[in-house]
Amino acid sequence: MANTDDRLPPTTRVGRVTLRVNDLDRLVGFYRDVVGLAVLERDDDRATLGADDPLLELLADPDAPERGHEETGLFHAAFRVPSREALGDALGRIRGRWHFDGASDHLVSEALYLTDPEGNGIEIYRDRPRSEWPTTGDGRVEMDTRRLDTDAIADLGRGRRAVPDQTTVGHVHLEVSSLPAAHAFYVDGLGLGVRQEWSDAALFVAAGDYHHHVGLNTWNGRTTPAKGRGLERFELLVSSEEALEATRGRLEERGVEVAAGNAGLVVADPDGIELCLRVDSDGTSAC
């Protein structure tokens, strides 16, 4: 078992996700009306959306090129709602205002999938109670992809136009070029624990016993860093300055460059995907 000093605190969670977008007006409308996020702040070149906390930041960049087929980056950003009823509301918004990519029962969660107008993947999901999560013999969580009864989910919806206040970013799922390199960064350096592996093509890592805070896959054979629109960065929120400094030490020991952000530490993974680590507070300060 790993030394707990080499791991992020179990209370670590994902903060806001930042996307670089071409059409800010269209994306704000989509995430408000289809996903159900509230517009918290807005100016000419930036918008922040969320529930009771900021969850998504959109940066306007009209000239940013479309992400290429070889480029690493976002597979999906996953918004976690607190109940099956809220998932039913989300399904109603998607069916009424957009197009639906699919749905899955992952044993630990029930998930809906869609893609925003600029090609960014989205998951909206609810967790099953942790007491129902199946585990493997080595203590990892067991996950699968099974058919979800969307009719039963839809029947629970009450036509709500917005997500509940308890909605969070539950995880981010990334497309990377190398799982061994991703493991070295996210597990050995950053301090997340392995919760599940699918063959040699997907890795799910988390702080504590959550099913995953970060998913990593090589399913589409991405090979080069992203240069244009799409994922700009995401946040991991830790419990204390001590945890932040311990993480800095682990990363620097492995030769990872760590920079100071506006409210935390900024690093890039082996594919150039940027993440910010900061102390979990009231959610108002961004990296």
C-alpha atoms as a PDB file:
ATOM      1  CA  MET A   1       0.000   0.000   0.000  1.00  0.00           C
ATOM      2  CA  ALA A   2       1.260   3.499  -0.846  1.00  0.00           C
ATOM      3  CA  ASN A   3       2.485   5.772   1.900  1.00  0.00           C
ATOM      4  CA  THR A   4      -0.263   8.306   2.604  1.00  0.00           C
ATOM      5  CA  ASP A   5       2.417  11.034   2.607  1.00  0.00           C
ATOM      6  CA  ASP A   6       2.793  10.358  -1.116  1.00  0.00           C
ATOM      7  CA  ARG A   7      -0.888  10.831  -1.837  1.00  0.00           C
ATOM      8  CA  LEU A   8      -3.229  13.773  -2.184  1.00  0.00           C
ATOM      9  CA  PRO A   9      -5.648  14.110   0.764  1.00  0.00           C
ATOM     10  CA  PRO A  10      -8.817  12.023   0.364  1.00  0.00           C
ATOM     11  CA  THR A  11     -10.909  15.217   0.427  1.00  0.00           C
ATOM     12  CA  THR A  12      -9.277  16.463  -2.794  1.00  0.00           C
ATOM     13  CA  ARG A  13     -11.830  17.255  -5.488  1.00  0.00           C
ATOM     14  CA  VAL A  14     -12.038  18.703  -8.988  1.00  0.00           C
ATOM     15  CA  GLY A  15     -12.641  22.456  -9.217  1.00  0.00           C
ATOM     16  CA  ARG A  16     -13.548  24.434 -12.295  1.00  0.00           C
ATOM     17  CA  VAL A  17     -12.841  23.416 -15.881  1.00  0.00           C
ATOM     18  CA  THR A  18     -11.747  26.092 -18.364  1.00  0.00           C
ATOM     19  CA  LEU A  19     -12.455  25.830 -22.091  1.00  0.00           C
ATOM     20  CA  ARG A  20     -11.153  28.004 -24.922  1.00  0.00           C
ATOM     21  CA  VAL A  21     -14.030  28.601 -27.334  1.00  0.00           C
ATOM     22  CA  ASN A  22     -14.696  30.325 -30.655  1.00  0.00           C
ATOM     23  CA  ASP A  23     -18.293  31.444 -30.117  1.00  0.00           C
ATOM     24  CA  LEU A  24     -18.731  32.602 -26.527  1.00  0.00           C
ATOM     25  CA  ASP A  25     -22.396  33.580 -26.892  1.00  0.00           C
ATOM     26  CA  ARG A  26     -23.385  30.225 -28.335  1.00  0.00           C
ATOM     27  CA  LEU A  27     -21.461  28.230 -25.723  1.00  0.00           C
ATOM     28  CA  VAL A  28     -22.860  30.274 -22.832  1.00  0.00           C
ATOM     29  CA  GLY A  29     -26.374  29.622 -24.132  1.00  0.00           C
ATOM     30  CA  PHE A  30     -25.682  25.905 -24.517  1.00  0.00           C
ATOM     31  CA  TYR A  31     -24.264  25.372 -21.040  1.00  0.00           C
ATOM     32  CA  ARG A  32     -27.075  27.455 -19.526  1.00  0.00           C
ATOM     33  CA  ASP A  33     -30.038  25.991 -21.415  1.00  0.00           C
ATOM     34  CA  VAL A  34     -28.954  22.399 -22.102  1.00  0.00           C
ATOM     35  CA  VAL A  35     -26.557  21.508 -19.291  1.00  0.00           C
ATOM     36  CA  GLY A  36     -28.435  23.745 -16.840  1.00  0.00           C
ATOM     37  CA  LEU A  37     -25.598  25.823 -15.366  1.00  0.00           C
ATOM     38  CA  ALA A  38     -26.240  29.345 -14.105  1.00  0.00           C
ATOM     39  CA  VAL A  39     -24.300  32.263 -15.591  1.00  0.00           C
ATOM     40  CA  LEU A  40     -22.387  33.680 -12.621  1.00  0.00           C
ATOM     41  CA  GLU A  41     -20.176  36.231 -14.386  1.00  0.00           C
ATOM     42  CA  ARG A  42     -19.980  37.468 -17.956  1.00  0.00           C
ATOM     43  CA  ASP A  43     -18.004  40.024 -19.945  1.00  0.00           C
ATOM     44  CA  ASP A  44     -16.951  40.370 -23.582  1.00  0.00           C
ATOM     45  CA  ASP A  45     -14.298  37.652 -23.570  1.00  0.00           C
ATOM     46  CA  ARG A  46     -15.011  35.450 -20.564  1.00  0.00           C
ATOM     47  CA  ALA A  47     -17.917  33.759 -18.794  1.00  0.00           C
ATOM     48  CA  THR A  48     -18.145  31.775 -15.579  1.00  0.00           C
ATOM     49  CA  LEU A  49     -20.986  29.307 -15.055  1.00  0.00           C
ATOM     50  CA  GLY A  50     -21.887  26.988 -12.216  1.00  0.00           C
ATOM     51  CA  ALA A  51     -24.343  26.154  -9.467  1.00  0.00           C
ATOM     52  CA  ASP A  52     -23.590  27.279  -5.917  1.00  0.00           C
ATOM     53  CA  ASP A  53     -19.875  27.187  -6.920  1.00  0.00           C
ATOM     54  CA  PRO A  54     -18.202  28.157 -10.204  1.00  0.00           C
ATOM     55  CA  LEU A  55     -17.775  24.995 -12.291  1.00  0.00           C
ATOM     56  CA  LEU A  56     -16.983  26.113 -15.826  1.00  0.00           C
ATOM     57  CA  GLU A  57     -15.035  29.012 -17.303  1.00  0.00           C
ATOM     58  CA  LEU A  58     -15.296  29.869 -20.999  1.00  0.00           C
ATOM     59  CA  LEU A  59     -12.584  31.982 -22.654  1.00  0.00           C
ATOM     60  CA  ALA A  60     -13.406  33.604 -25.985  1.00  0.00           C
ATOM     61  CA  ASP A  61     -10.828  33.012 -28.719  1.00  0.00           C
ATOM     62  CA  PRO A  62     -12.550  33.433 -32.103  1.00  0.00           C
ATOM     63  CA  ASP A  63      -9.375  32.563 -34.024  1.00  0.00           C
ATOM     64  CA  ALA A  64      -8.465  29.376 -32.148  1.00  0.00           C
ATOM     65  CA  PRO A  65      -8.299  26.464 -34.616  1.00  0.00           C
ATOM     66  CA  GLU A  66     -10.464  23.387 -34.224  1.00  0.00           C
ATOM     67  CA  ARG A  67      -8.760  20.603 -32.270  1.00  0.00           C
ATOM     68  CA  GLY A  68      -7.055  18.168 -34.627  1.00  0.00           C
ATOM     69  CA  HIS A  69      -7.714  14.432 -34.718  1.00  0.00           C
ATOM     70  CA  GLU A  70      -4.201  13.681 -33.433  1.00  0.00           C
ATOM     71  CA  GLU A  71      -4.302  16.149 -30.551  1.00  0.00           C
ATOM     72  CA  THR A  72      -4.605  15.137 -26.912  1.00  0.00           C
ATOM     73  CA  GLY A  73      -6.934  16.957 -24.528  1.00  0.00           C
ATOM     74  CA  LEU A  74     -10.467  16.631 -23.211  1.00  0.00           C
ATOM     75  CA  PHE A  75     -12.489  13.438 -23.626  1.00  0.00           C
ATOM     76  CA  HIS A  76     -15.251  14.859 -21.437  1.00  0.00           C
ATOM     77  CA  ALA A  77     -15.927  17.117 -18.483  1.00  0.00           C
ATOM     78  CA  ALA A  78     -18.286  15.368 -16.066  1.00  0.00           C
ATOM     79  CA  PHE A  79     -20.910  17.330 -14.128  1.00  0.00           C
ATOM     80  CA  ARG A  80     -22.219  15.350 -11.154  1.00  0.00           C
ATOM     81  CA  VAL A  81     -25.798  16.003 -10.065  1.00  0.00           C
ATOM     82  CA  PRO A  82     -26.997  14.949  -6.598  1.00  0.00           C
ATOM     83  CA  SER A  83     -29.985  12.784  -7.474  1.00  0.00           C
ATOM     84  CA  ARG A  84     -31.654  10.565 -10.046  1.00  0.00           C
ATOM     85  CA  GLU A  85     -34.415  13.173 -10.353  1.00  0.00           C
ATOM     86  CA  ALA A  86     -31.837  15.802 -11.346  1.00  0.00           C
ATOM     87  CA  LEU A  87     -30.472  13.361 -13.912  1.00  0.00           C
ATOM     88  CA  GLY A  88     -34.001  13.022 -15.296  1.00  0.00           C
ATOM     89  CA  ASP A  89     -34.253  16.797 -15.581  1.00  0.00           C
ATOM     90  CA  ALA A  90     -30.941  16.855 -17.463  1.00  0.00           C
ATOM     91  CA  LEU A  91     -32.176  14.188 -19.851  1.00  0.00           C
ATOM     92  CA  GLY A  92     -35.299  16.257 -20.537  1.00  0.00           C
ATOM     93  CA  ARG A  93     -33.237  19.356 -21.332  1.00  0.00           C
ATOM     94  CA  ILE A  94     -30.986  17.400 -23.673  1.00  0.00           C
ATOM     95  CA  ARG A  95     -33.850  15.776 -25.539  1.00  0.00           C
ATOM     96  CA  GLY A  96     -35.756  19.032 -25.773  1.00  0.00           C
ATOM     97  CA  ARG A  97     -32.942  21.363 -26.818  1.00  0.00           C
ATOM     98  CA  TRP A  98     -30.027  19.317 -28.215  1.00  0.00           C
ATOM     99  CA  HIS A  99     -29.041  15.838 -29.352  1.00  0.00           C
ATOM    100  CA  PHE A 100     -28.186  12.945 -27.098  1.00  0.00           C
ATOM    101  CA  ASP A 101     -25.005  10.855 -27.622  1.00  0.00           C
ATOM    102  CA  GLY A 102     -25.753   7.986 -25.259  1.00  0.00           C
ATOM    103  CA  ALA A 103     -26.176   6.733 -21.705  1.00  0.00           C
ATOM    104  CA  SER A 104     -24.432   4.147 -19.522  1.00  0.00           C
ATOM    105  CA  ASP A 105     -24.752   2.355 -16.209  1.00  0.00           C
ATOM    106  CA  HIS A 106     -21.195   2.241 -14.827  1.00  0.00           C
ATOM    107  CA  LEU A 107     -22.146   0.275 -11.666  1.00  0.00           C
ATOM    108  CA  VAL A 108     -20.891   3.160  -9.517  1.00  0.00           C
ATOM    109  CA  SER A 109     -22.869   5.786 -11.421  1.00  0.00           C
ATOM    110  CA  GLU A 110     -25.501   6.482 -14.079  1.00  0.00           C
ATOM    111  CA  ALA A 111     -24.358   8.744 -16.880  1.00  0.00           C
ATOM    112  CA  LEU A 112     -25.655  10.728 -19.848  1.00  0.00           C
ATOM    113  CA  TYR A 113     -23.348  11.801 -22.694  1.00  0.00           C
ATOM    114  CA  LEU A 114     -23.472  14.657 -25.154  1.00  0.00           C
ATOM    115  CA  THR A 115     -21.135  16.959 -27.087  1.00  0.00           C
ATOM    116  CA  ASP A 116     -21.189  20.749 -27.009  1.00  0.00           C
ATOM    117  CA  PRO A 117     -21.380  22.889 -30.208  1.00  0.00           C
ATOM    118  CA  GLU A 118     -17.579  23.019 -30.501  1.00  0.00           C
ATOM    119  CA  GLY A 119     -16.911  19.323 -30.005  1.00  0.00           C
ATOM    120  CA  ASN A 120     -16.170  19.194 -26.266  1.00  0.00           C
ATOM    121  CA  GLY A 121     -17.429  16.008 -24.634  1.00  0.00           C
ATOM    122  CA  ILE A 122     -19.771  16.261 -21.646  1.00  0.00           C
ATOM    123  CA  GLU A 123     -20.977  13.728 -19.117  1.00  0.00           C
ATOM    124  CA  ILE A 124     -23.830  14.470 -16.720  1.00  0.00           C
ATOM    125  CA  TYR A 125     -24.089  11.789 -14.053  1.00  0.00           C
ATOM    126  CA  ARG A 126     -25.255  10.833 -10.609  1.00  0.00           C
ATOM    127  CA  ASP A 127     -23.345   8.557  -8.254  1.00  0.00           C
ATOM    128  CA  ARG A 128     -24.930   5.491  -6.752  1.00  0.00           C
ATOM    129  CA  PRO A 129     -24.556   5.311  -2.935  1.00  0.00           C
ATOM    130  CA  ARG A 130     -21.000   4.256  -2.070  1.00  0.00           C
ATOM    131  CA  SER A 131     -22.323   1.257  -0.174  1.00  0.00           C
ATOM    132  CA  GLU A 132     -23.479  -0.112  -3.555  1.00  0.00           C
ATOM    133  CA  TRP A 133     -20.140   0.320  -5.345  1.00  0.00           C
ATOM    134  CA  PRO A 134     -18.665  -3.097  -6.220  1.00  0.00           C
ATOM    135  CA  THR A 135     -14.989  -3.584  -5.418  1.00  0.00           C
ATOM    136  CA  THR A 136     -12.325  -5.931  -6.688  1.00  0.00           C
ATOM    137  CA  GLY A 137     -10.206  -8.275  -4.615  1.00  0.00           C
ATOM    138  CA  ASP A 138      -7.365  -5.760  -4.423  1.00  0.00           C
ATOM    139  CA  GLY A 139      -9.626  -3.012  -3.069  1.00  0.00           C
ATOM    140  CA  ARG A 140     -10.106  -1.115  -6.306  1.00  0.00           C
ATOM    141  CA  VAL A 141     -13.542  -0.088  -7.517  1.00  0.00           C
ATOM    142  CA  GLU A 142     -15.250  -2.150 -10.195  1.00  0.00           C
ATOM    143  CA  MET A 143     -16.683  -0.211 -13.119  1.00  0.00           C
ATOM    144  CA  ASP A 144     -18.378  -1.346 -16.312  1.00  0.00           C
ATOM    145  CA  THR A 145     -20.332   0.123 -19.233  1.00  0.00           C
ATOM    146  CA  ARG A 146     -23.853  -1.286 -19.372  1.00  0.00           C
ATOM    147  CA  ARG A 147     -27.142  -0.185 -20.848  1.00  0.00           C
ATOM    148  CA  LEU A 148     -28.961   2.503 -18.867  1.00  0.00           C
ATOM    149  CA  ASP A 149     -32.763   2.548 -18.761  1.00  0.00           C
ATOM    150  CA  THR A 150     -33.242   6.122 -19.967  1.00  0.00           C
ATOM    151  CA  ASP A 151     -37.034   5.838 -19.932  1.00  0.00           C
ATOM    152  CA  ALA A 152     -36.953   5.203 -16.191  1.00  0.00           C
ATOM    153  CA  ILE A 153     -34.622   8.179 -15.744  1.00  0.00           C
ATOM    154  CA  ALA A 154     -36.811  10.422 -17.895  1.00  0.00           C
ATOM    155  CA  ASP A 155     -39.906   9.553 -15.857  1.00  0.00           C
ATOM    156  CA  LEU A 156     -38.275  11.074 -12.766  1.00  0.00           C
ATOM    157  CA  GLY A 157     -37.672  14.477 -14.361  1.00  0.00           C
ATOM    158  CA  ARG A 158     -39.792  17.427 -13.269  1.00  0.00           C
ATOM    159  CA  GLY A 159     -38.875  19.850 -16.029  1.00  0.00           C
ATOM    160  CA  ARG A 160     -36.363  21.861 -14.013  1.00  0.00           C
ATOM    161  CA  ARG A 161     -34.341  24.233 -16.162  1.00  0.00           C
ATOM    162  CA  ALA A 162     -31.249  24.384 -13.911  1.00  0.00           C
ATOM    163  CA  VAL A 163     -29.040  21.920 -12.079  1.00  0.00           C
ATOM    164  CA  PRO A 164     -29.365  21.781  -8.262  1.00  0.00           C
ATOM    165  CA  ASP A 165     -26.981  23.807  -6.118  1.00  0.00           C
ATOM    166  CA  GLN A 166     -25.132  20.654  -5.043  1.00  0.00           C
ATOM    167  CA  THR A 167     -23.923  19.998  -8.598  1.00  0.00           C
ATOM    168  CA  THR A 168     -20.132  19.691  -8.953  1.00  0.00           C
ATOM    169  CA  VAL A 169     -17.506  18.740 -11.496  1.00  0.00           C
ATOM    170  CA  GLY A 170     -17.135  15.120 -10.431  1.00  0.00           C
ATOM    171  CA  HIS A 171     -14.262  14.256 -12.731  1.00  0.00           C
ATOM    172  CA  VAL A 172     -12.466  15.093 -15.939  1.00  0.00           C
ATOM    173  CA  HIS A 173     -11.595  12.475 -18.531  1.00  0.00           C
ATOM    174  CA  LEU A 174      -8.567  13.129 -20.734  1.00  0.00           C
ATOM    175  CA  GLU A 175      -7.203  11.752 -23.976  1.00  0.00           C
ATOM    176  CA  VAL A 176      -3.461  11.218 -23.564  1.00  0.00           C
ATOM    177  CA  SER A 177      -0.696   9.867 -25.757  1.00  0.00           C
ATOM    178  CA  SER A 178       0.859   7.434 -23.250  1.00  0.00           C
ATOM    179  CA  LEU A 179      -0.649   5.728 -20.198  1.00  0.00           C
ATOM    180  CA  PRO A 180       2.756   4.959 -18.609  1.00  0.00           C
ATOM    181  CA  ALA A 181       3.700   8.642 -18.848  1.00  0.00           C
ATOM    182  CA  ALA A 182       0.286   9.656 -17.496  1.00  0.00           C
ATOM    183  CA  HIS A 183       0.676   7.190 -14.607  1.00  0.00           C
ATOM    184  CA  ALA A 184       4.088   8.623 -13.743  1.00  0.00           C
ATOM    185  CA  PHE A 185       2.626  12.135 -13.619  1.00  0.00           C
ATOM    186  CA  TYR A 186      -0.831  11.673 -12.086  1.00  0.00           C
ATOM    187  CA  VAL A 187      -0.058   8.822  -9.693  1.00  0.00           C
ATOM    188  CA  ASP A 188       3.652   8.989  -8.823  1.00  0.00           C
ATOM    189  CA  GLY A 189       3.992  12.766  -9.004  1.00  0.00           C
ATOM    190  CA  LEU A 190       0.627  14.322  -8.350  1.00  0.00           C
ATOM    191  CA  GLY A 191      -0.369  11.700  -5.786  1.00  0.00           C
ATOM    192  CA  LEU A 192      -3.666  10.288  -7.067  1.00  0.00           C
ATOM    193  CA  GLY A 193      -4.361   6.587  -6.501  1.00  0.00           C
ATOM    194  CA  VAL A 194      -5.230   3.996  -9.149  1.00  0.00           C
ATOM    195  CA  ARG A 195      -8.879   2.968  -8.825  1.00  0.00           C
ATOM    196  CA  GLN A 196      -9.303   0.936 -12.019  1.00  0.00           C
ATOM    197  CA  GLU A 197      -7.426  -0.020 -15.185  1.00  0.00           C
ATOM    198  CA  TRP A 198      -9.023  -1.218 -18.418  1.00  0.00           C
ATOM    199  CA  SER A 199      -6.446  -3.281 -20.269  1.00  0.00           C
ATOM    200  CA  ASP A 200      -3.601  -1.054 -21.455  1.00  0.00           C
ATOM    201  CA  ALA A 201      -5.882   1.667 -22.834  1.00  0.00           C
ATOM    202  CA  ALA A 202      -7.584   3.401 -19.877  1.00  0.00           C
ATOM    203  CA  LEU A 203      -6.666   4.383 -16.342  1.00  0.00           C
ATOM    204  CA  PHE A 204      -8.931   5.830 -13.641  1.00  0.00           C
ATOM    205  CA  VAL A 205      -7.310   7.662 -10.722  1.00  0.00           C
ATOM    206  CA  ALA A 206      -8.637   9.446  -7.658  1.00  0.00           C
ATOM    207  CA  ALA A 207      -7.917  10.895  -4.259  1.00  0.00           C
ATOM    208  CA  GLY A 208      -9.192   8.682  -1.450  1.00  0.00           C
ATOM    209  CA  ASP A 209     -11.785   6.050  -2.348  1.00  0.00           C
ATOM    210  CA  TYR A 210     -13.747   7.950  -5.008  1.00  0.00           C
ATOM    211  CA  HIS A 211     -14.220   5.997  -8.253  1.00  0.00           C
ATOM    212  CA  HIS A 212     -12.219   8.544 -10.243  1.00  0.00           C
ATOM    213  CA  HIS A 213     -11.375  12.225 -10.285  1.00  0.00           C
ATOM    214  CA  VAL A 214      -9.346  11.884 -13.497  1.00  0.00           C
ATOM    215  CA  GLY A 215      -9.880   9.398 -16.321  1.00  0.00           C
ATOM    216  CA  LEU A 216      -7.112   8.842 -18.878  1.00  0.00           C
ATOM    217  CA  ASN A 217      -7.362   6.939 -22.145  1.00  0.00           C
ATOM    218  CA  THR A 218      -5.552   6.261 -25.419  1.00  0.00           C
ATOM    219  CA  TRP A 219      -8.590   4.877 -27.287  1.00  0.00           C
ATOM    220  CA  ASN A 220      -8.338   7.273 -30.235  1.00  0.00           C
ATOM    221  CA  GLY A 221      -4.569   7.177 -30.704  1.00  0.00           C
ATOM    222  CA  ARG A 222      -3.890  10.840 -29.911  1.00  0.00           C
ATOM    223  CA  THR A 223      -0.205  11.696 -30.276  1.00  0.00           C
ATOM    224  CA  THR A 224       0.377  15.468 -30.176  1.00  0.00           C
ATOM    225  CA  PRO A 225      -0.428  18.279 -27.720  1.00  0.00           C
ATOM    226  CA  ALA A 226      -3.540  20.366 -28.370  1.00  0.00           C
ATOM    227  CA  LYS A 227      -2.935  23.813 -29.859  1.00  0.00           C
ATOM    228  CA  GLY A 228      -6.351  25.325 -30.405  1.00  0.00           C
ATOM    229  CA  ARG A 229      -9.783  25.424 -28.873  1.00  0.00           C
ATOM    230  CA  GLY A 230     -10.932  23.006 -26.198  1.00  0.00           C
ATOM    231  CA  LEU A 231      -9.557  22.335 -22.738  1.00  0.00           C
ATOM    232  CA  GLU A 232      -7.450  25.199 -21.408  1.00  0.00           C
ATOM    233  CA  ARG A 233      -6.972  23.821 -17.871  1.00  0.00           C
ATOM    234  CA  PHE A 234      -8.716  22.203 -14.940  1.00  0.00           C
ATOM    235  CA  GLU A 235      -8.367  22.536 -11.175  1.00  0.00           C
ATOM    236  CA  LEU A 236      -7.727  20.128  -8.333  1.00  0.00           C
ATOM    237  CA  LEU A 237      -8.649  21.511  -4.921  1.00  0.00           C
ATOM    238  CA  VAL A 238      -6.703  20.298  -1.881  1.00  0.00           C
ATOM    239  CA  SER A 239      -7.436  20.713   1.810  1.00  0.00           C
ATOM    240  CA  SER A 240      -4.453  22.726   3.018  1.00  0.00           C
ATOM    241  CA  GLU A 241      -1.305  24.651   2.178  1.00  0.00           C
ATOM    242  CA  GLU A 242       0.678  21.729   3.619  1.00  0.00           C
ATOM    243  CA  ALA A 243      -0.889  19.369   1.081  1.00  0.00           C
ATOM    244  CA  LEU A 244      -0.159  21.855  -1.682  1.00  0.00           C
ATOM    245  CA  GLU A 245       3.511  22.107  -0.720  1.00  0.00           C
ATOM    246  CA  ALA A 246       3.856  18.333  -0.400  1.00  0.00           C
ATOM    247  CA  THR A 247       2.509  17.989  -3.927  1.00  0.00           C
ATOM    248  CA  ARG A 248       4.931  20.636  -5.161  1.00  0.00           C
ATOM    249  CA  GLY A 249       7.786  18.636  -3.637  1.00  0.00           C
ATOM    250  CA  ARG A 250       6.738  15.353  -5.269  1.00  0.00           C
ATOM    251  CA  LEU A 251       6.428  16.971  -8.677  1.00  0.00           C
ATOM    252  CA  GLU A 252       9.701  18.874  -8.489  1.00  0.00           C
ATOM    253  CA  GLU A 253      11.512  15.712  -7.372  1.00  0.00           C
ATOM    254  CA  ARG A 254      10.403  14.171 -10.659  1.00  0.00           C
ATOM    255  CA  GLY A 255      11.554  17.126 -12.736  1.00  0.00           C
ATOM    256  CA  VAL A 256       8.106  18.627 -13.321  1.00  0.00           C
ATOM    257  CA  GLU A 257       8.160  22.409 -13.658  1.00  0.00           C
ATOM    258  CA  VAL A 258       5.837  24.035 -11.115  1.00  0.00           C
ATOM    259  CA  ALA A 259       4.782  27.663 -11.558  1.00  0.00           C
ATOM    260  CA  ALA A 260       2.890  30.027  -9.276  1.00  0.00           C
ATOM    261  CA  GLY A 261      -0.625  30.846 -10.452  1.00  0.00           C
ATOM    262  CA  ASN A 262      -2.997  33.542  -9.248  1.00  0.00           C
ATOM    263  CA  ALA A 263      -4.218  31.329  -6.410  1.00  0.00           C
ATOM    264  CA  GLY A 264      -2.188  28.119  -6.482  1.00  0.00           C
ATOM    265  CA  LEU A 265       0.329  26.025  -8.404  1.00  0.00           C
ATOM    266  CA  VAL A 266       0.199  25.521 -12.176  1.00  0.00           C
ATOM    267  CA  VAL A 267       1.696  22.452 -13.847  1.00  0.00           C
ATOM    268  CA  ALA A 268       1.380  20.662 -17.176  1.00  0.00           C
ATOM    269  CA  ASP A 269       1.131  16.918 -17.682  1.00  0.00           C
ATOM    270  CA  PRO A 270       3.299  15.061 -20.248  1.00  0.00           C
ATOM    271  CA  ASP A 271       0.864  16.036 -23.027  1.00  0.00           C
ATOM    272  CA  GLY A 272       0.892  19.720 -22.106  1.00  0.00           C
ATOM    273  CA  ILE A 273      -2.548  19.577 -20.443  1.00  0.00           C
ATOM    274  CA  GLU A 274      -2.520  22.278 -17.792  1.00  0.00           C
ATOM    275  CA  LEU A 275      -3.905  21.886 -14.314  1.00  0.00           C
ATOM    276  CA  CYS A 276      -3.940  24.157 -11.316  1.00  0.00           C
ATOM    277  CA  LEU A 277      -3.748  22.978  -7.720  1.00  0.00           C
ATOM    278  CA  ARG A 278      -5.089  25.300  -5.072  1.00  0.00           C
ATOM    279  CA  VAL A 279      -6.432  25.179  -1.552  1.00  0.00           C
ATOM    280  CA  ASP A 280     -10.149  24.436  -1.380  1.00  0.00           C
ATOM    281  CA  SER A 281     -11.886  27.559  -0.047  1.00  0.00           C
ATOM    282  CA  ASP A 282     -15.107  29.286  -1.056  1.00  0.00           C
ATOM    283  CA  GLY A 283     -14.586  28.589  -4.740  1.00  0.00           C
ATOM    284  CA  THR A 284     -14.374  32.258  -5.725  1.00  0.00           C
ATOM    285  CA  SER A 285     -10.650  32.441  -6.484  1.00  0.00           C
ATOM    286  CA  ALA A 286      -9.507  30.913  -9.743  1.00  0.00           C
ATOM    287  CA  CYS A 287      -6.007  29.937 -10.771  1.00  0.00           C
END
